[in-house]
Structures are given as C-alpha cells and as structure tokens.
C-alpha cells in the first residue's frame, strides 16, 4: 500500500504543478521571465519534474516512517513544514540573483502545493 501512496503522491503533485503553471497569468509571467533551455527536450524536462516529485515523496515517506507518524493530516503538516526549505532557497535567488519576487512566489506556491499534497497522500497510506 505504501508504494501506491508514493505513486499517487508523485502523480498528483505533478498534475497540481502542471495545473498551476498552465494558469494563464502564471504561464505569461513564467514565459516572460524564463530563459529557454535549448537542447533539453520537453519530454526530458517533464520526466525530471516527475523524478523530483518521486524523490520528495520518498523523503516524506522516510521521515514519516522514521518518526512513526501516520495519517493524511500529519503528512500535510510535514509537507507544510518542509516547504520552508524551498522558501529559503527562493529567497536566496531573489536576493542574490535578482529573481523577480512574483516569479519566486509562483515557484514557492508550486512547492508548497506539491509538498502538502505529497505529505497528505503519503500519510494516508502509511
């Protein structure tokens, strides 16, 4: 059952992320501020996004299992707490790399949604 939870969390977080970036205002903002990555096919980029979600799902599973935590609510709270990590990294990109704040907020929102979704789904199966 745990494998099913990890798989569902991985897929759901990918879909939630795709939905966020497909929103017209978000898509326009990201398109206007992104640098294209020539040479990396879109299919490879999408597979890497799925891989990142899988890694995060396994991390949440590992933390919950090691702590003896169970349940969707506990998992969602863990995901919320883990969202502090991308927040700190994105703040660094705003301060040191001149990343526009609206772009950083979109990326943070993406990670927040992903991590809470992953936590809730993994927690529901552990």
N, C-alpha and C. Protein backbone atom coordinates (compact mmCIF):
# COMPACT_ATOMS: atom_id res chain seq x y z
N UNK A 1 0.81 -1.20 0.00
CA UNK A 1 0.00 0.00 0.00
C UNK A 1 0.86 1.27 0.00
N UNK A 2 2.00 1.20 0.65
CA UNK A 2 2.85 2.39 0.71
C UNK A 2 3.34 2.77 -0.68
N UNK A 3 3.65 1.78 -1.51
CA UNK A 3 4.10 2.06 -2.88
C UNK A 3 3.00 2.78 -3.65
N UNK A 4 1.75 2.37 -3.44
CA UNK A 4 0.62 3.03 -4.08
C UNK A 4 0.53 4.49 -3.63
N UNK A 5 0.72 4.74 -2.34
CA UNK A 5 0.69 6.10 -1.82
C UNK A 5 1.77 6.98 -2.43
N UNK A 6 2.97 6.44 -2.56
CA UNK A 6 4.08 7.18 -3.16
C UNK A 6 3.78 7.46 -4.63
N UNK A 7 3.26 6.47 -5.34
CA UNK A 7 2.93 6.65 -6.76
C UNK A 7 1.83 7.70 -6.93
N UNK A 8 0.78 7.61 -6.13
CA UNK A 8 -0.30 8.60 -6.22
C UNK A 8 0.19 10.00 -5.86
N UNK A 9 1.01 10.10 -4.84
CA UNK A 9 1.55 11.40 -4.43
C UNK A 9 2.40 12.00 -5.53
N UNK A 10 3.21 11.17 -6.16
CA UNK A 10 4.08 11.63 -7.24
C UNK A 10 3.24 12.15 -8.41
N UNK A 11 2.26 11.39 -8.81
CA UNK A 11 1.42 11.76 -9.95
C UNK A 11 0.56 12.99 -9.62
N UNK A 12 -0.04 12.99 -8.43
CA UNK A 12 -0.89 14.12 -8.04
C UNK A 12 -0.11 15.42 -7.94
N UNK A 13 1.11 15.35 -7.42
CA UNK A 13 1.89 16.58 -7.30
C UNK A 13 2.32 17.08 -8.67
N UNK A 14 2.60 16.16 -9.59
CA UNK A 14 2.94 16.56 -10.97
C UNK A 14 1.74 17.24 -11.63
N UNK A 15 0.56 16.66 -11.47
CA UNK A 15 -0.65 17.24 -12.06
C UNK A 15 -0.96 18.60 -11.46
N UNK A 16 -0.83 18.72 -10.13
CA UNK A 16 -1.09 20.00 -9.47
C UNK A 16 -0.12 21.07 -9.96
N UNK A 17 1.13 20.70 -10.13
CA UNK A 17 2.14 21.63 -10.64
C UNK A 17 1.82 22.06 -12.07
N UNK A 18 1.47 21.09 -12.90
CA UNK A 18 1.12 21.39 -14.29
C UNK A 18 -0.08 22.32 -14.35
N UNK A 19 -1.05 22.09 -13.48
CA UNK A 19 -2.24 22.95 -13.45
C UNK A 19 -1.88 24.37 -13.04
N UNK A 20 -1.01 24.52 -12.06
CA UNK A 20 -0.59 25.85 -11.63
C UNK A 20 0.10 26.60 -12.77
N UNK A 21 1.06 25.96 -13.41
CA UNK A 21 1.82 26.63 -14.47
C UNK A 21 1.00 26.81 -15.75
N UNK A 22 -0.13 26.12 -15.86
CA UNK A 22 -1.00 26.29 -17.03
C UNK A 22 -1.98 27.45 -16.87
N UNK A 23 -2.11 27.96 -15.64
CA UNK A 23 -2.99 29.11 -15.44
C UNK A 23 -2.46 30.28 -16.28
N UNK A 24 -3.33 30.92 -17.07
CA UNK A 24 -2.85 31.96 -17.99
C UNK A 24 -1.96 33.04 -17.36
N UNK A 25 -2.32 33.61 -16.19
CA UNK A 25 -1.43 34.65 -15.64
C UNK A 25 -0.06 34.08 -15.24
N UNK A 26 -0.06 32.86 -14.71
CA UNK A 26 1.20 32.23 -14.31
C UNK A 26 2.02 31.89 -15.54
N UNK A 27 1.38 31.32 -16.54
CA UNK A 27 2.09 30.96 -17.77
C UNK A 27 2.73 32.19 -18.42
N UNK A 28 2.00 33.31 -18.45
CA UNK A 28 2.56 34.54 -19.02
C UNK A 28 3.75 35.04 -18.23
N UNK A 29 3.63 35.05 -16.91
CA UNK A 29 4.71 35.53 -16.04
C UNK A 29 5.96 34.69 -16.22
N UNK A 30 5.80 33.38 -16.19
CA UNK A 30 6.95 32.48 -16.30
C UNK A 30 7.56 32.58 -17.69
N UNK A 31 6.74 32.64 -18.73
CA UNK A 31 7.26 32.74 -20.10
C UNK A 31 8.04 34.04 -20.30
N UNK A 32 7.58 35.11 -19.68
CA UNK A 32 8.24 36.41 -19.84
C UNK A 32 9.57 36.48 -19.10
N UNK A 33 9.74 35.65 -18.08
CA UNK A 33 10.94 35.76 -17.26
C UNK A 33 11.88 34.57 -17.37
N UNK A 34 11.50 33.55 -18.12
CA UNK A 34 12.31 32.33 -18.21
C UNK A 34 13.31 32.41 -19.35
N UNK A 35 14.40 31.71 -19.15
CA UNK A 35 15.40 31.56 -20.20
C UNK A 35 15.22 30.17 -20.79
N UNK A 36 14.97 30.07 -22.10
CA UNK A 36 14.80 28.74 -22.70
C UNK A 36 16.06 27.88 -22.52
N UNK A 37 15.86 26.61 -22.38
CA UNK A 37 16.96 25.66 -22.22
C UNK A 37 17.10 24.85 -23.51
N UNK A 38 17.85 25.36 -24.47
CA UNK A 38 17.98 24.61 -25.72
C UNK A 38 18.71 23.29 -25.48
N UNK A 39 18.31 22.29 -26.22
CA UNK A 39 18.97 21.00 -26.13
C UNK A 39 18.35 20.03 -25.15
N UNK A 40 17.44 20.50 -24.31
CA UNK A 40 16.77 19.60 -23.37
C UNK A 40 15.33 19.44 -23.85
N UNK A 41 15.01 18.28 -24.42
CA UNK A 41 13.64 18.08 -24.92
C UNK A 41 12.61 18.23 -23.79
N UNK A 42 11.45 18.72 -24.16
CA UNK A 42 10.38 18.93 -23.18
C UNK A 42 10.04 17.65 -22.45
N UNK A 43 10.06 16.54 -23.16
CA UNK A 43 9.74 15.25 -22.53
C UNK A 43 10.74 14.93 -21.43
N UNK A 44 11.99 15.24 -21.63
CA UNK A 44 13.02 15.01 -20.61
C UNK A 44 12.79 15.94 -19.43
N UNK A 45 12.44 17.19 -19.70
CA UNK A 45 12.15 18.14 -18.63
C UNK A 45 10.98 17.65 -17.77
N UNK A 46 9.94 17.14 -18.42
CA UNK A 46 8.77 16.65 -17.68
C UNK A 46 9.13 15.41 -16.86
N UNK A 47 9.94 14.53 -17.42
CA UNK A 47 10.37 13.35 -16.66
C UNK A 47 11.18 13.76 -15.43
N UNK A 48 11.98 14.81 -15.56
CA UNK A 48 12.74 15.29 -14.41
C UNK A 48 11.83 15.88 -13.34
N UNK A 49 10.75 16.52 -13.76
CA UNK A 49 9.77 17.05 -12.80
C UNK A 49 9.12 15.88 -12.04
N UNK A 50 8.77 14.83 -12.76
CA UNK A 50 8.19 13.64 -12.11
C UNK A 50 9.21 13.02 -11.16
N UNK A 51 10.46 12.95 -11.58
CA UNK A 51 11.51 12.39 -10.73
C UNK A 51 11.68 13.21 -9.45
N UNK A 52 11.62 14.53 -9.56
CA UNK A 52 11.72 15.37 -8.36
C UNK A 52 10.56 15.09 -7.41
N UNK A 53 9.37 14.93 -7.96
CA UNK A 53 8.21 14.62 -7.12
C UNK A 53 8.37 13.25 -6.46
N UNK A 54 8.90 12.30 -7.19
CA UNK A 54 9.14 10.97 -6.62
C UNK A 54 10.15 11.04 -5.48
N UNK A 55 11.22 11.78 -5.68
CA UNK A 55 12.23 11.92 -4.62
C UNK A 55 11.61 12.55 -3.38
N UNK A 56 10.80 13.58 -3.56
CA UNK A 56 10.15 14.22 -2.42
C UNK A 56 9.15 13.28 -1.74
N UNK A 57 8.45 12.48 -2.52
CA UNK A 57 7.51 11.51 -1.95
C UNK A 57 8.26 10.49 -1.09
N UNK A 58 9.39 10.04 -1.58
CA UNK A 58 10.19 9.08 -0.81
C UNK A 58 10.79 9.73 0.43
N UNK A 59 11.18 10.99 0.34
CA UNK A 59 11.70 11.71 1.51
C UNK A 59 10.62 11.82 2.58
N UNK A 60 9.42 12.23 2.18
CA UNK A 60 8.32 12.35 3.14
C UNK A 60 8.02 10.99 3.76
N UNK A 61 7.98 9.95 2.93
CA UNK A 61 7.76 8.59 3.45
C UNK A 61 8.83 8.23 4.47
N UNK A 62 10.08 8.49 4.16
CA UNK A 62 11.18 8.16 5.07
C UNK A 62 11.06 8.90 6.40
N UNK A 63 10.75 10.18 6.34
CA UNK A 63 10.62 10.97 7.57
C UNK A 63 9.46 10.46 8.40
N UNK A 64 8.32 10.23 7.74
CA UNK A 64 7.14 9.76 8.48
C UNK A 64 7.36 8.38 9.09
N UNK A 65 7.99 7.50 8.32
CA UNK A 65 8.24 6.16 8.84
C UNK A 65 9.23 6.20 10.00
N UNK A 66 10.29 6.99 9.87
CA UNK A 66 11.30 7.07 10.93
C UNK A 66 10.72 7.66 12.21
N UNK A 67 9.80 8.61 12.06
CA UNK A 67 9.20 9.26 13.23
C UNK A 67 8.00 8.48 13.78
N UNK A 68 7.54 7.49 13.02
CA UNK A 68 6.37 6.73 13.45
C UNK A 68 5.07 7.51 13.29
N UNK A 69 5.07 8.45 12.35
CA UNK A 69 3.89 9.27 12.11
C UNK A 69 2.98 8.62 11.10
N UNK A 70 1.67 8.83 11.27
CA UNK A 70 0.67 8.25 10.38
C UNK A 70 -0.44 9.26 10.12
N UNK A 71 -1.05 9.16 8.96
CA UNK A 71 -2.23 9.95 8.67
C UNK A 71 -2.00 11.09 7.70
N UNK A 72 -3.07 11.39 6.99
CA UNK A 72 -3.01 12.43 5.97
C UNK A 72 -2.76 13.81 6.57
N UNK A 73 -3.37 14.11 7.70
CA UNK A 73 -3.19 15.43 8.30
C UNK A 73 -1.74 15.62 8.76
N UNK A 74 -1.19 14.63 9.40
CA UNK A 74 0.20 14.70 9.85
C UNK A 74 1.13 14.86 8.64
N UNK A 75 0.85 14.12 7.59
CA UNK A 75 1.65 14.24 6.37
C UNK A 75 1.55 15.62 5.75
N UNK A 76 0.34 16.18 5.73
CA UNK A 76 0.16 17.52 5.17
C UNK A 76 0.91 18.55 5.99
N UNK A 77 0.90 18.41 7.31
CA UNK A 77 1.63 19.34 8.17
C UNK A 77 3.13 19.19 7.95
N UNK A 78 3.59 17.97 7.78
CA UNK A 78 5.02 17.75 7.46
C UNK A 78 5.36 18.42 6.14
N UNK A 79 4.51 18.26 5.14
CA UNK A 79 4.73 18.92 3.85
C UNK A 79 4.78 20.43 3.99
N UNK A 80 3.91 20.97 4.82
CA UNK A 80 3.90 22.41 5.08
C UNK A 80 5.22 22.85 5.72
N UNK A 81 5.70 22.07 6.67
CA UNK A 81 6.97 22.39 7.32
C UNK A 81 8.14 22.28 6.33
N UNK A 82 8.12 21.26 5.49
CA UNK A 82 9.19 21.09 4.52
C UNK A 82 9.21 22.19 3.47
N UNK A 83 8.08 22.88 3.28
CA UNK A 83 8.02 23.98 2.31
C UNK A 83 8.91 25.14 2.73
N UNK A 84 9.36 25.14 3.96
CA UNK A 84 10.29 26.20 4.39
C UNK A 84 11.62 26.08 3.64
N UNK A 85 11.98 24.89 3.21
CA UNK A 85 13.26 24.71 2.50
C UNK A 85 13.27 25.42 1.15
N UNK A 86 12.30 25.18 0.26
CA UNK A 86 12.31 25.94 -0.99
C UNK A 86 12.10 27.43 -0.75
N UNK A 87 11.40 27.80 0.32
CA UNK A 87 11.21 29.23 0.61
C UNK A 87 12.56 29.89 0.86
N UNK A 88 13.41 29.24 1.64
CA UNK A 88 14.73 29.79 1.94
C UNK A 88 15.58 29.85 0.66
N UNK A 89 15.53 28.80 -0.14
CA UNK A 89 16.32 28.79 -1.38
C UNK A 89 15.83 29.86 -2.36
N UNK A 90 14.52 30.00 -2.47
CA UNK A 90 13.98 31.01 -3.39
C UNK A 90 14.26 32.43 -2.89
N UNK A 91 14.27 32.63 -1.60
CA UNK A 91 14.63 33.93 -1.06
C UNK A 91 16.07 34.27 -1.45
N UNK A 92 16.94 33.28 -1.40
CA UNK A 92 18.32 33.49 -1.84
C UNK A 92 18.40 33.89 -3.30
N UNK A 93 17.56 33.28 -4.13
CA UNK A 93 17.59 33.63 -5.55
C UNK A 93 17.06 35.05 -5.78
N UNK A 94 16.12 35.49 -4.96
CA UNK A 94 15.62 36.86 -5.07
C UNK A 94 16.70 37.85 -4.65
N UNK A 95 17.37 37.56 -3.55
CA UNK A 95 18.37 38.48 -3.01
C UNK A 95 19.65 38.49 -3.84
N UNK A 96 20.12 37.31 -4.22
CA UNK A 96 21.45 37.21 -4.84
C UNK A 96 21.45 37.12 -6.36
N UNK A 97 20.34 36.72 -6.95
CA UNK A 97 20.31 36.53 -8.40
C UNK A 97 19.28 37.40 -9.10
N UNK A 98 18.68 38.32 -8.37
CA UNK A 98 17.68 39.23 -8.92
C UNK A 98 16.47 38.53 -9.54
N UNK A 99 16.12 37.38 -9.02
CA UNK A 99 14.90 36.72 -9.47
C UNK A 99 13.72 37.61 -9.06
N UNK A 100 12.83 37.92 -9.99
CA UNK A 100 11.68 38.75 -9.62
C UNK A 100 10.83 38.08 -8.54
N UNK A 101 10.37 38.86 -7.60
CA UNK A 101 9.59 38.32 -6.48
C UNK A 101 8.35 37.57 -6.97
N UNK A 102 7.59 38.08 -7.96
CA UNK A 102 6.42 37.32 -8.42
C UNK A 102 6.79 35.94 -8.96
N UNK A 103 7.92 35.83 -9.63
CA UNK A 103 8.36 34.53 -10.16
C UNK A 103 8.71 33.60 -9.00
N UNK A 104 9.44 34.11 -8.02
CA UNK A 104 9.80 33.29 -6.86
C UNK A 104 8.54 32.85 -6.11
N UNK A 105 7.54 33.72 -6.03
CA UNK A 105 6.30 33.35 -5.35
C UNK A 105 5.55 32.25 -6.09
N UNK A 106 5.59 32.28 -7.42
CA UNK A 106 4.97 31.20 -8.19
C UNK A 106 5.69 29.89 -7.90
N UNK A 107 7.00 29.91 -7.93
CA UNK A 107 7.76 28.68 -7.67
C UNK A 107 7.55 28.19 -6.24
N UNK A 108 7.47 29.12 -5.28
CA UNK A 108 7.20 28.72 -3.91
C UNK A 108 5.81 28.10 -3.79
N UNK A 109 4.83 28.73 -4.43
CA UNK A 109 3.47 28.18 -4.41
C UNK A 109 3.45 26.77 -4.98
N UNK A 110 4.20 26.57 -6.05
CA UNK A 110 4.30 25.23 -6.65
C UNK A 110 4.82 24.23 -5.63
N UNK A 111 5.92 24.57 -4.97
CA UNK A 111 6.50 23.65 -3.98
C UNK A 111 5.59 23.45 -2.78
N UNK A 112 4.92 24.51 -2.36
CA UNK A 112 4.00 24.38 -1.24
C UNK A 112 2.88 23.41 -1.57
N UNK A 113 2.28 23.58 -2.74
CA UNK A 113 1.20 22.68 -3.16
C UNK A 113 1.73 21.25 -3.28
N UNK A 114 2.89 21.10 -3.93
CA UNK A 114 3.47 19.76 -4.10
C UNK A 114 3.71 19.09 -2.76
N UNK A 115 4.37 19.78 -1.85
CA UNK A 115 4.76 19.14 -0.59
C UNK A 115 3.57 18.83 0.31
N UNK A 116 2.59 19.69 0.34
CA UNK A 116 1.39 19.40 1.15
C UNK A 116 0.61 18.24 0.52
N UNK A 117 0.50 18.24 -0.80
CA UNK A 117 -0.18 17.14 -1.50
C UNK A 117 0.54 15.82 -1.25
N UNK A 118 1.84 15.84 -1.44
CA UNK A 118 2.65 14.64 -1.22
C UNK A 118 2.49 14.16 0.22
N UNK A 119 2.62 15.07 1.16
CA UNK A 119 2.51 14.69 2.58
C UNK A 119 1.16 14.07 2.90
N UNK A 120 0.09 14.69 2.41
CA UNK A 120 -1.25 14.16 2.70
C UNK A 120 -1.45 12.78 2.09
N UNK A 121 -1.02 12.61 0.84
CA UNK A 121 -1.24 11.32 0.18
C UNK A 121 -0.35 10.22 0.74
N UNK A 122 0.91 10.52 0.96
CA UNK A 122 1.80 9.52 1.55
C UNK A 122 1.31 9.18 2.95
N UNK A 123 0.94 10.21 3.72
CA UNK A 123 0.45 9.99 5.08
C UNK A 123 -0.81 9.13 5.13
N UNK A 124 -1.64 9.26 4.12
CA UNK A 124 -2.89 8.48 4.08
C UNK A 124 -2.61 6.99 3.88
N UNK A 125 -1.45 6.67 3.35
CA UNK A 125 -1.13 5.27 3.05
C UNK A 125 -0.12 4.66 4.02
N UNK A 126 0.36 5.45 4.96
CA UNK A 126 1.37 4.89 5.89
C UNK A 126 0.72 4.49 7.21
